[in-house]
Amino acid sequence: MQFKLFLNRIVVALTFIFLPFFDFAQLYPFKIYTEENGLPQTTVEVITQDSKGYLWIGTHGGASRFDGMAFQDFTTKEGLISNRVFDITEDRFGNIWFATNSGVTIYNGLNFFSFTESDGLPSKNILCFLKNKNKIYTKK
């Protein structure tokens, strides 16, 4: 009887000792994206998803829209006020807003519109947006 109890304790102890060596976690595939895959730069400040399902990535080299297959880059050449993008958000009309170190750029899907301190922004360095159901606010 004591031998059986001793044997049970040994089995339980060995189970707890060797159980961590068996990996029961699921492995999820992931992929690392860099400039070679189409990102304008790899220092990422923000990733957000718009209402159409696109991922928007803000970097220190511009912004990218990712459709799950390829990146479309947006820089000052396309109309951003600065390539250093700190935040990206979408308003209720589907416009994409970019917070940068030189002001705010709004993209309506066709054209870019930029705003600076001369247009009433409190600062040219806009780090993030705060939004509610009616408005989008900038935070310097």
N, C-alpha and C. Protein backbone atom coordinates (compact mmCIF):
# COMPACT_ATOMS: atom_id res chain seq x y z
N MET A 1 0.82 -1.19 0.00
CA MET A 1 0.00 0.00 0.00
C MET A 1 0.87 1.26 0.00
N GLN A 2 1.90 1.27 0.84
CA GLN A 2 2.79 2.41 0.88
C GLN A 2 3.59 2.51 -0.41
N PHE A 3 3.95 1.37 -0.98
CA PHE A 3 4.68 1.37 -2.24
C PHE A 3 3.82 1.98 -3.35
N LYS A 4 2.52 1.66 -3.35
CA LYS A 4 1.60 2.20 -4.36
C LYS A 4 1.48 3.72 -4.21
N LEU A 5 1.38 4.20 -2.98
CA LEU A 5 1.30 5.62 -2.71
C LEU A 5 2.60 6.32 -3.15
N PHE A 6 3.72 5.68 -2.83
CA PHE A 6 5.02 6.21 -3.23
C PHE A 6 5.13 6.28 -4.76
N LEU A 7 4.68 5.23 -5.44
CA LEU A 7 4.72 5.18 -6.89
C LEU A 7 3.83 6.26 -7.51
N ASN A 8 2.65 6.48 -6.96
CA ASN A 8 1.75 7.53 -7.44
C ASN A 8 2.39 8.90 -7.29
N ARG A 9 3.05 9.14 -6.17
CA ARG A 9 3.72 10.42 -5.95
C ARG A 9 4.85 10.62 -6.94
N ILE A 10 5.57 9.57 -7.24
CA ILE A 10 6.67 9.65 -8.22
C ILE A 10 6.11 9.99 -9.59
N VAL A 11 5.03 9.35 -9.99
CA VAL A 11 4.41 9.60 -11.29
C VAL A 11 3.91 11.05 -11.38
N VAL A 12 3.26 11.53 -10.34
CA VAL A 12 2.76 12.90 -10.32
C VAL A 12 3.94 13.88 -10.39
N ALA A 13 4.98 13.65 -9.61
CA ALA A 13 6.15 14.53 -9.60
C ALA A 13 6.82 14.54 -10.98
N LEU A 14 7.00 13.38 -11.59
CA LEU A 14 7.62 13.32 -12.91
C LEU A 14 6.76 14.02 -13.97
N THR A 15 5.46 13.91 -13.82
CA THR A 15 4.55 14.57 -14.76
C THR A 15 4.76 16.09 -14.70
N PHE A 16 4.80 16.65 -13.49
CA PHE A 16 4.99 18.09 -13.36
C PHE A 16 6.40 18.53 -13.75
N ILE A 17 7.37 17.65 -13.61
CA ILE A 17 8.73 18.00 -14.00
C ILE A 17 8.87 18.04 -15.51
N PHE A 18 8.29 17.06 -16.20
CA PHE A 18 8.50 16.96 -17.65
C PHE A 18 7.40 17.62 -18.48
N LEU A 19 6.29 18.00 -17.87
CA LEU A 19 5.18 18.62 -18.60
C LEU A 19 5.59 19.90 -19.33
N PRO A 20 6.40 20.78 -18.75
CA PRO A 20 6.79 22.00 -19.49
C PRO A 20 7.58 21.73 -20.76
N PHE A 21 8.16 20.57 -20.91
CA PHE A 21 8.93 20.27 -22.11
C PHE A 21 8.04 19.92 -23.30
N PHE A 22 6.77 19.69 -23.04
CA PHE A 22 5.81 19.40 -24.11
C PHE A 22 5.07 20.69 -24.41
N ASP A 23 5.17 21.16 -25.62
CA ASP A 23 4.57 22.43 -26.01
C ASP A 23 3.17 22.17 -26.56
N PHE A 24 2.17 22.62 -25.82
CA PHE A 24 0.79 22.42 -26.24
C PHE A 24 0.20 23.68 -26.88
N ALA A 25 0.97 24.76 -26.94
CA ALA A 25 0.47 26.01 -27.51
C ALA A 25 0.35 25.89 -29.02
N GLN A 26 -0.60 26.65 -29.55
CA GLN A 26 -0.77 26.68 -31.00
C GLN A 26 0.27 27.62 -31.60
N LEU A 27 0.74 27.28 -32.76
CA LEU A 27 1.67 28.13 -33.46
C LEU A 27 0.93 28.85 -34.58
N TYR A 28 0.99 30.17 -34.55
CA TYR A 28 0.33 30.98 -35.56
C TYR A 28 1.38 31.47 -36.55
N PRO A 29 1.10 31.33 -37.83
CA PRO A 29 2.08 31.82 -38.81
C PRO A 29 2.09 33.35 -38.82
N PHE A 30 3.26 33.92 -38.97
CA PHE A 30 3.36 35.36 -39.10
C PHE A 30 4.45 35.68 -40.11
N LYS A 31 4.38 36.91 -40.62
CA LYS A 31 5.33 37.35 -41.62
C LYS A 31 5.85 38.72 -41.21
N ILE A 32 7.12 38.94 -41.43
CA ILE A 32 7.74 40.22 -41.14
C ILE A 32 7.84 41.01 -42.44
N TYR A 33 7.33 42.24 -42.43
CA TYR A 33 7.37 43.09 -43.60
C TYR A 33 8.43 44.17 -43.41
N THR A 34 9.19 44.43 -44.45
CA THR A 34 10.24 45.45 -44.42
C THR A 34 10.14 46.29 -45.69
N GLU A 35 11.17 47.10 -45.91
CA GLU A 35 11.22 47.89 -47.14
C GLU A 35 11.24 47.00 -48.38
N GLU A 36 11.82 45.82 -48.25
CA GLU A 36 11.87 44.89 -49.39
C GLU A 36 10.48 44.45 -49.83
N ASN A 37 9.52 44.47 -48.88
CA ASN A 37 8.14 44.09 -49.20
C ASN A 37 7.28 45.26 -49.61
N GLY A 38 7.81 46.50 -49.48
CA GLY A 38 7.04 47.66 -49.92
C GLY A 38 6.82 48.74 -48.89
N LEU A 39 7.16 48.51 -47.62
CA LEU A 39 7.03 49.58 -46.63
C LEU A 39 8.01 50.71 -46.96
N PRO A 40 7.61 51.95 -46.75
CA PRO A 40 8.54 53.04 -47.04
C PRO A 40 9.69 53.12 -46.04
N GLN A 41 9.46 52.60 -44.83
CA GLN A 41 10.45 52.64 -43.77
C GLN A 41 10.00 51.68 -42.68
N THR A 42 10.90 51.15 -41.86
CA THR A 42 10.50 50.12 -40.89
C THR A 42 10.28 50.63 -39.47
N THR A 43 10.46 51.93 -39.21
CA THR A 43 10.12 52.47 -37.90
C THR A 43 8.63 52.81 -37.92
N VAL A 44 7.82 51.93 -37.37
CA VAL A 44 6.36 52.06 -37.43
C VAL A 44 5.86 52.77 -36.17
N GLU A 45 5.07 53.81 -36.37
CA GLU A 45 4.46 54.56 -35.27
C GLU A 45 3.02 54.11 -35.00
N VAL A 46 2.31 53.72 -36.05
CA VAL A 46 0.88 53.41 -35.88
C VAL A 46 0.44 52.42 -36.96
N ILE A 47 -0.48 51.55 -36.56
CA ILE A 47 -1.17 50.67 -37.50
C ILE A 47 -2.65 50.75 -37.16
N THR A 48 -3.47 51.03 -38.17
CA THR A 48 -4.91 51.11 -37.95
C THR A 48 -5.63 50.50 -39.14
N GLN A 49 -6.86 50.08 -38.93
CA GLN A 49 -7.66 49.50 -40.01
C GLN A 49 -8.82 50.42 -40.31
N ASP A 50 -9.06 50.68 -41.59
CA ASP A 50 -10.17 51.56 -41.96
C ASP A 50 -11.45 50.74 -42.18
N SER A 51 -12.52 51.43 -42.49
CA SER A 51 -13.82 50.78 -42.65
C SER A 51 -13.90 49.87 -43.87
N LYS A 52 -12.96 50.02 -44.81
CA LYS A 52 -12.93 49.15 -45.99
C LYS A 52 -12.06 47.91 -45.78
N GLY A 53 -11.40 47.83 -44.63
CA GLY A 53 -10.57 46.67 -44.32
C GLY A 53 -9.10 46.85 -44.60
N TYR A 54 -8.71 48.00 -45.14
CA TYR A 54 -7.29 48.26 -45.39
C TYR A 54 -6.56 48.51 -44.08
N LEU A 55 -5.32 48.04 -44.00
CA LEU A 55 -4.45 48.41 -42.90
C LEU A 55 -3.63 49.61 -43.32
N TRP A 56 -3.58 50.62 -42.46
CA TRP A 56 -2.79 51.82 -42.70
C TRP A 56 -1.62 51.79 -41.71
N ILE A 57 -0.41 51.95 -42.23
CA ILE A 57 0.79 51.90 -41.41
C ILE A 57 1.49 53.24 -41.53
N GLY A 58 1.68 53.91 -40.40
CA GLY A 58 2.39 55.17 -40.36
C GLY A 58 3.82 54.95 -39.93
N THR A 59 4.78 55.42 -40.72
CA THR A 59 6.20 55.21 -40.44
C THR A 59 6.93 56.56 -40.45
N HIS A 60 8.23 56.50 -40.24
CA HIS A 60 9.05 57.71 -40.32
C HIS A 60 9.43 58.03 -41.76
N GLY A 61 8.94 57.23 -42.70
CA GLY A 61 9.22 57.47 -44.11
C GLY A 61 7.96 57.66 -44.94
N GLY A 62 6.82 57.84 -44.29
CA GLY A 62 5.55 58.00 -44.99
C GLY A 62 4.51 57.04 -44.44
N ALA A 63 3.44 56.86 -45.17
CA ALA A 63 2.36 55.96 -44.78
C ALA A 63 2.15 54.92 -45.87
N SER A 64 1.64 53.77 -45.47
CA SER A 64 1.34 52.71 -46.43
C SER A 64 -0.06 52.19 -46.19
N ARG A 65 -0.72 51.85 -47.28
CA ARG A 65 -2.01 51.17 -47.20
C ARG A 65 -1.77 49.73 -47.65
N PHE A 66 -2.15 48.78 -46.80
CA PHE A 66 -1.91 47.36 -47.08
C PHE A 66 -3.25 46.68 -47.29
N ASP A 67 -3.40 46.01 -48.45
CA ASP A 67 -4.65 45.33 -48.77
C ASP A 67 -4.60 43.83 -48.49
N GLY A 68 -3.54 43.38 -47.83
CA GLY A 68 -3.36 41.96 -47.55
C GLY A 68 -2.41 41.29 -48.52
N MET A 69 -2.14 41.96 -49.62
CA MET A 69 -1.23 41.43 -50.63
C MET A 69 -0.06 42.36 -50.91
N ALA A 70 -0.36 43.65 -51.04
CA ALA A 70 0.68 44.61 -51.44
C ALA A 70 0.49 45.94 -50.70
N PHE A 71 1.57 46.70 -50.64
CA PHE A 71 1.57 48.01 -50.03
C PHE A 71 1.43 49.09 -51.10
N GLN A 72 0.66 50.12 -50.78
CA GLN A 72 0.65 51.33 -51.58
C GLN A 72 1.17 52.44 -50.68
N ASP A 73 2.30 53.03 -51.06
CA ASP A 73 2.95 54.02 -50.21
C ASP A 73 2.47 55.43 -50.53
N PHE A 74 2.40 56.25 -49.48
CA PHE A 74 2.05 57.66 -49.58
C PHE A 74 3.14 58.45 -48.87
N THR A 75 3.75 59.38 -49.59
CA THR A 75 4.80 60.23 -49.05
C THR A 75 4.50 61.67 -49.44
N THR A 76 5.47 62.55 -49.24
CA THR A 76 5.29 63.94 -49.65
C THR A 76 5.12 64.05 -51.16
N LYS A 77 5.65 63.08 -51.89
CA LYS A 77 5.47 63.09 -53.36
C LYS A 77 4.01 62.93 -53.75
N GLU A 78 3.28 62.14 -52.95
CA GLU A 78 1.86 61.92 -53.24
C GLU A 78 0.97 63.00 -52.64
N GLY A 79 1.45 63.71 -51.61
CA GLY A 79 0.65 64.79 -51.04
C GLY A 79 0.68 64.91 -49.53
N LEU A 80 1.35 64.00 -48.81
CA LEU A 80 1.46 64.17 -47.36
C LEU A 80 2.26 65.43 -47.05
N ILE A 81 1.94 66.09 -45.97
CA ILE A 81 2.68 67.29 -45.58
C ILE A 81 4.06 66.94 -45.04
N SER A 82 4.22 65.74 -44.50
CA SER A 82 5.50 65.27 -43.99
C SER A 82 5.53 63.74 -44.08
N ASN A 83 6.72 63.18 -44.19
CA ASN A 83 6.85 61.72 -44.23
C ASN A 83 6.86 61.08 -42.84
N ARG A 84 6.96 61.87 -41.81
CA ARG A 84 6.98 61.32 -40.45
C ARG A 84 5.56 61.30 -39.90
N VAL A 85 4.93 60.13 -39.97
CA VAL A 85 3.52 59.97 -39.61
C VAL A 85 3.42 59.33 -38.22
N PHE A 86 2.76 60.05 -37.28
CA PHE A 86 2.63 59.58 -35.91
C PHE A 86 1.30 58.88 -35.64
N ASP A 87 0.24 59.29 -36.32
CA ASP A 87 -1.07 58.69 -36.08
C ASP A 87 -1.89 58.75 -37.36
N ILE A 88 -2.79 57.79 -37.48
CA ILE A 88 -3.70 57.72 -38.63
C ILE A 88 -5.08 57.36 -38.08
N THR A 89 -6.09 58.06 -38.54
CA THR A 89 -7.45 57.72 -38.15
C THR A 89 -8.39 57.99 -39.32
N GLU A 90 -9.57 57.45 -39.23
CA GLU A 90 -10.59 57.63 -40.27
C GLU A 90 -11.78 58.36 -39.66
N ASP A 91 -12.31 59.34 -40.37
CA ASP A 91 -13.51 60.03 -39.88
C ASP A 91 -14.76 59.30 -40.38
N ARG A 92 -15.90 59.79 -39.98
CA ARG A 92 -17.17 59.11 -40.32
C ARG A 92 -17.52 59.20 -41.80
N PHE A 93 -16.80 60.04 -42.55
CA PHE A 93 -17.04 60.17 -43.99
C PHE A 93 -16.08 59.31 -44.82
N GLY A 94 -15.17 58.59 -44.15
CA GLY A 94 -14.22 57.75 -44.86
C GLY A 94 -12.91 58.44 -45.21
N ASN A 95 -12.74 59.69 -44.78
CA ASN A 95 -11.47 60.39 -45.01
C ASN A 95 -10.42 59.85 -44.05
N ILE A 96 -9.18 59.75 -44.53
CA ILE A 96 -8.08 59.28 -43.71
C ILE A 96 -7.27 60.49 -43.26
N TRP A 97 -7.03 60.60 -41.94
CA TRP A 97 -6.29 61.71 -41.35
C TRP A 97 -4.92 61.22 -40.93
N PHE A 98 -3.88 62.01 -41.24
CA PHE A 98 -2.51 61.70 -40.89
C PHE A 98 -1.97 62.78 -39.96
N ALA A 99 -1.51 62.40 -38.78
CA ALA A 99 -0.86 63.33 -37.86
C ALA A 99 0.64 63.24 -38.11
N THR A 100 1.27 64.38 -38.36
CA THR A 100 2.70 64.39 -38.69
C THR A 100 3.43 65.44 -37.85
N ASN A 101 4.73 65.53 -38.06
CA ASN A 101 5.53 66.53 -37.36
C ASN A 101 5.49 67.88 -38.06
N SER A 102 4.66 68.00 -39.11
CA SER A 102 4.53 69.28 -39.82
C SER A 102 3.08 69.73 -39.96
N GLY A 103 2.15 69.02 -39.32
CA GLY A 103 0.75 69.36 -39.41
C GLY A 103 -0.11 68.13 -39.66
N VAL A 104 -1.27 68.36 -40.24
CA VAL A 104 -2.25 67.30 -40.50
C VAL A 104 -2.52 67.23 -41.99
N THR A 105 -2.60 66.02 -42.51
CA THR A 105 -3.01 65.81 -43.89
C THR A 105 -4.26 64.94 -43.89
N ILE A 106 -5.23 65.31 -44.72
CA ILE A 106 -6.46 64.53 -44.88
C ILE A 106 -6.48 64.00 -46.30
N TYR A 107 -6.79 62.71 -46.44
CA TYR A 107 -6.86 62.05 -47.75
C TYR A 107 -8.29 61.55 -47.95
N ASN A 108 -8.94 62.02 -49.01
CA ASN A 108 -10.33 61.64 -49.27
C ASN A 108 -10.46 60.49 -50.26
N GLY A 109 -9.34 59.85 -50.57
CA GLY A 109 -9.35 58.75 -51.54
C GLY A 109 -8.87 59.18 -52.91
N LEU A 110 -8.91 60.49 -53.16
CA LEU A 110 -8.45 61.05 -54.43
C LEU A 110 -7.40 62.14 -54.23
N ASN A 111 -7.65 63.03 -53.27
CA ASN A 111 -6.80 64.20 -53.07
C ASN A 111 -6.34 64.32 -51.63
N PHE A 112 -5.23 65.04 -51.46
CA PHE A 112 -4.68 65.32 -50.14
C PHE A 112 -4.90 66.79 -49.81
N PHE A 113 -5.27 67.05 -48.55
CA PHE A 113 -5.45 68.41 -48.06
C PHE A 113 -4.66 68.53 -46.77
N SER A 114 -3.78 69.53 -46.68
CA SER A 114 -2.93 69.67 -45.50
C SER A 114 -3.26 70.93 -44.73
N PHE A 115 -3.04 70.86 -43.40
CA PHE A 115 -3.31 71.97 -42.50
C PHE A 115 -2.12 72.15 -41.57
N THR A 116 -1.79 73.41 -41.31
CA THR A 116 -0.66 73.75 -40.45
C THR A 116 -1.12 74.75 -39.40
N GLU A 117 -0.15 75.32 -38.68
CA GLU A 117 -0.47 76.34 -37.68
C GLU A 117 -1.15 77.55 -38.31
N SER A 118 -0.78 77.88 -39.54
CA SER A 118 -1.40 79.03 -40.21
C SER A 118 -2.88 78.79 -40.51
N ASP A 119 -3.29 77.52 -40.49
CA ASP A 119 -4.69 77.17 -40.70
C ASP A 119 -5.46 77.01 -39.38
N GLY A 120 -4.75 77.22 -38.25
CA GLY A 120 -5.42 77.16 -36.95
C GLY A 120 -5.02 76.00 -36.07
N LEU A 121 -4.11 75.15 -36.51
CA LEU A 121 -3.65 74.07 -35.63
C LEU A 121 -2.89 74.64 -34.45
N PRO A 122 -3.00 74.04 -33.28
CA PRO A 122 -2.29 74.57 -32.11
C PRO A 122 -0.78 74.41 -32.19
N SER A 123 -0.31 73.48 -33.01
CA SER A 123 1.13 73.22 -33.17
C SER A 123 1.33 72.49 -34.48
N LYS A 124 2.55 72.57 -35.02
CA LYS A 124 2.81 71.79 -36.22
C LYS A 124 3.10 70.33 -35.89
N ASN A 125 3.54 70.04 -34.66
CA ASN A 125 3.82 68.67 -34.24
C ASN A 125 2.56 68.04 -33.67
N ILE A 126 1.90 67.25 -34.48
CA ILE A 126 0.68 66.57 -34.05
C ILE A 126 1.03 65.11 -33.82
N LEU A 127 0.89 64.66 -32.58
CA LEU A 127 1.29 63.30 -32.22
C LEU A 127 0.17 62.28 -32.33
N CYS A 128 -1.07 62.70 -32.05
CA CYS A 128 -2.18 61.74 -32.13
C CYS A 128 -3.49 62.48 -32.29
N PHE A 129 -4.50 61.71 -32.63
CA PHE A 129 -5.86 62.23 -32.76
C PHE A 129 -6.71 61.68 -31.64
N LEU A 130 -7.62 62.48 -31.16
CA LEU A 130 -8.65 62.05 -30.24
C LEU A 130 -9.96 62.28 -30.95
N LYS A 131 -10.80 61.26 -31.02
CA LYS A 131 -12.05 61.49 -31.76
C LYS A 131 -13.23 60.94 -30.99
N ASN A 132 -14.35 61.58 -31.20
CA ASN A 132 -15.61 61.07 -30.72
C ASN A 132 -16.53 60.92 -31.92
N LYS A 133 -17.79 60.68 -31.72
CA LYS A 133 -18.67 60.42 -32.86
C LYS A 133 -18.90 61.64 -33.74
N ASN A 134 -18.59 62.85 -33.23
CA ASN A 134 -18.86 64.06 -34.00
C ASN A 134 -17.61 64.73 -34.57
N LYS A 135 -16.49 64.68 -33.86
CA LYS A 135 -15.33 65.44 -34.26
C LYS A 135 -14.04 64.64 -34.05
N ILE A 136 -12.99 65.12 -34.70
CA ILE A 136 -11.64 64.62 -34.49
C ILE A 136 -10.82 65.77 -33.91
N TYR A 137 -10.13 65.52 -32.82
CA TYR A 137 -9.31 66.52 -32.16
C TYR A 137 -7.84 66.14 -32.32
N THR A 138 -6.98 67.15 -32.38
CA THR A 138 -5.54 66.89 -32.44
C THR A 138 -4.94 67.04 -31.06
N LYS A 139 -3.90 66.28 -30.80
CA LYS A 139 -3.17 66.41 -29.53
C LYS A 139 -1.72 66.64 -29.86
N LYS A 140 -1.18 67.76 -29.42
CA LYS A 140 0.22 68.08 -29.74
C LYS A 140 1.13 67.49 -28.71
